[in-house]
Amino acid sequence: MRCTSASRGEMIGSLVEDSVSTALSELQKHWLKEVFEKGFVGYSKLSDRQLLMEMQLRGLLPQEEESEDDADNEFLNDPMFN
Protein backbone atom coordinates (compact mmCIF):
# COMPACT_ATOMS: atom_id res chain seq x y z
CA MET A 1 0.00 0.00 0.00
CA ARG A 2 1.95 3.01 -1.28
CA CYS A 3 0.96 6.67 -1.13
CA THR A 4 2.06 9.31 -3.59
CA SER A 5 3.66 12.36 -1.97
CA ALA A 6 0.60 14.46 -2.91
CA SER A 7 -1.86 12.05 -1.33
CA ARG A 8 0.49 11.57 1.64
CA GLY A 9 0.56 15.34 2.16
CA GLU A 10 -3.22 15.50 1.88
CA MET A 11 -3.59 12.70 4.43
CA ILE A 12 -1.24 14.46 6.86
CA GLY A 13 -3.19 17.69 6.39
CA SER A 14 -6.49 15.93 7.05
CA LEU A 15 -5.11 14.25 10.17
CA VAL A 16 -3.69 17.52 11.50
CA GLU A 17 -7.00 19.28 10.90
CA ASP A 18 -8.91 16.47 12.61
CA SER A 19 -6.45 16.45 15.52
CA VAL A 20 -6.78 20.21 16.06
CA SER A 21 -10.59 19.91 16.00
CA THR A 22 -10.42 17.01 18.45
CA ALA A 23 -8.02 18.86 20.75
CA LEU A 24 -10.28 21.92 20.83
CA SER A 25 -13.46 19.93 21.39
CA GLU A 26 -14.92 20.16 24.88
CA LEU A 27 -15.94 16.51 24.66
CA GLN A 28 -12.47 15.19 23.79
CA LYS A 29 -10.27 16.46 26.65
CA HIS A 30 -9.09 12.91 27.37
CA TRP A 31 -7.52 12.81 23.89
CA LEU A 32 -5.36 15.90 24.55
CA LYS A 33 -4.48 14.65 28.04
CA GLU A 34 -3.20 11.41 26.50
CA VAL A 35 -1.06 13.34 23.99
CA PHE A 36 0.57 15.28 26.83
CA GLU A 37 1.09 12.14 28.92
CA LYS A 38 2.36 9.77 26.22
CA GLY A 39 3.71 12.15 23.60
CA PHE A 40 3.05 12.29 19.91
CA VAL A 41 5.23 10.90 17.12
CA GLY A 42 4.08 13.28 14.39
CA TYR A 43 2.14 12.30 11.28
CA SER A 44 5.06 12.97 8.94
CA LYS A 45 7.07 10.25 10.71
CA LEU A 46 4.41 7.57 10.20
CA SER A 47 4.73 5.02 7.42
CA ASP A 48 2.26 5.11 4.55
CA ARG A 49 0.45 2.13 6.06
CA GLN A 50 0.25 3.81 9.48
CA LEU A 51 -1.14 6.99 7.88
CA LEU A 52 -3.80 5.01 6.04
CA MET A 53 -4.70 3.12 9.21
CA GLU A 54 -5.00 6.36 11.22
CA MET A 55 -7.21 7.88 8.50
CA GLN A 56 -9.44 4.78 8.57
CA LEU A 57 -9.63 4.71 12.39
CA ARG A 58 -10.84 8.31 12.40
CA GLY A 59 -13.41 7.64 9.69
CA LEU A 60 -11.64 9.87 7.19
CA LEU A 61 -11.33 6.96 4.71
CA PRO A 62 -13.46 3.85 4.29
CA GLN A 63 -12.08 0.86 6.19
CA GLU A 64 -10.57 -1.97 4.17
CA GLU A 65 -11.53 -5.55 4.85
CA GLU A 66 -8.73 -7.56 6.41
CA SER A 67 -8.54 -10.76 8.33
CA GLU A 68 -8.64 -10.60 12.11
CA ASP A 69 -5.18 -12.23 12.31
CA ASP A 70 -3.67 -9.57 10.03
CA ALA A 71 -5.10 -6.76 12.16
CA ASP A 72 -3.88 -8.33 15.42
CA ASN A 73 -0.37 -8.94 14.08
CA GLU A 74 -0.12 -5.43 12.68
CA PHE A 75 -0.90 -3.79 16.03
CA LEU A 76 1.41 -6.16 17.95
CA ASN A 77 4.34 -5.35 15.63
CA ASP A 78 3.68 -1.62 15.21
CA PRO A 79 5.96 0.57 17.38
CA MET A 80 3.38 3.37 17.31
CA PHE A 81 1.01 1.21 19.39
CA ASN A 82 3.59 -0.33 21.74
Foldseek 3Di string as FASTA:
>chain_A
DDDDPVVLVVLLVVVVVVVVVLCPDPVNVVVVVCCVVPNDDGSVPDHPVVSVVVCCVVVVDPDDDDDPVVVVVCLVPDPVND
